[in-house]
Amino acid sequence: MSRVLSRRAAVCAVALAILVSGCEVDATVAITVHPNGHGVVRVVVTADAEAVAALEAGGKSLATATRLGDLTAADWAVGEWTKKTDGSAAIVLTHKFDSVDQVGPLVTELNGEFGPVKKLRVVKNKSLIGTEYSVSGELIKPRTGIAEDTEIAANLSKLGIDQAVIDKQLLDQVDSAFSLTIITHLPDGETTIIKAKTRATRTPFDVSALVVDTVRLVWLGAAFILLLLAIYLFLTRGRSRRARPIRRASQRRNGRRGSQPALRTDRNTGNQ
C-alpha cells in the first residue's frame, strides 16, 4: 500500500504543480504525542481561490479532482473539502497511532518518495527522572519524480519534450506555490512550529522534550536520603567500635598508675 501511495503522490504532485501555477497551496502537518506514546497525525491542506478554481475546471468537484480514496483504504480519516467565503478550501486528514514508531511510516505514506519530508523520526526514551520525547527530520525541496517514472519519461520523449526542462519548470512552480509547516505537540505542553525555508535546499529540525516523573523523582530522593543515612550510621558505628578498645586500654593504664602510690605507701609504712 505504501508504494502505491508513494507513486500516486508523485503523480498528484506533478498534476497539482501544473494546475496551481500562480496559486498557493499550504499544508500543515501536526504531530501530537501523548504521555503513553499514543497520538495522532493531523494534516490540513488549504488551497486558495485560484487553486480551487483550477481544480474545479470542467465542472469537477474538489473530491473528484483530488481522489483521496487510497488514503481512506490506508485507514486515514479523510474529511470533506470545506469552502470559505474567500473562495479558498481546506481538507483535514487524520490518523491515530499507538506507538511513536508508527509516525514516520504514516508521514511517508502522504509524503511519497519525492515529497519534502525526509528522515522523520519520533522517539520516546525513558530515563531515571522521566521520559524524553524527540521529533527530528528534514524538510527538503520536493522532486517531481518524472526522471524515476519510465512511463512519463517515455511519453515526454515521444512528444519531443525535454524532460529536464519540464522537471525544472514544475519544481519552480511547486516552490513558489506550495508551503509546508510542521507542528509538534509533545507531552510537556510545548508547541513547536517548523517552516521550510523559502527556496532552501534543506531545513533540518530536531525538537525534544523531557517530562519529569514526579513520583519517580520523590522515590529517588527518598532512596538517596536513606543511602546517606545508612552510610552515616555505618561510619558512626565503626568509629564507636574502634573507640571502645582505646578507652579500655586507657582505663587499664590509668588503673595501674593509680595503684602505684599505694604500693609505695605500704612499703614505706612497713619500713617504719
Foldseek 3Di string as FASTA:
>chain_A
DLQVLQVVLLVVLLVLLVQQQVWAKEKEWEWEAAQQQKTKIKIKIKTAQSSLCSQCPPNDHVCVSRVPVVVVVVVKDKADWDADPRNMTMIMIMDIDNHQQVPVSVVSSNQHPFRQWAPWGWDWDADQFFIKIKTWTKGFQGFSCCVVDPVNVVVCVVVVHDPVVSRVSSSVSCLVHYWYKYWYQYNVRDIDIDTDDRPDGMDIDMDMDTDGDVVSVVVVVVVVVVVVVVVVVVVVVVVVVVVVVVVVVVVVVVVVVVCVVVVVVVVVVVVD
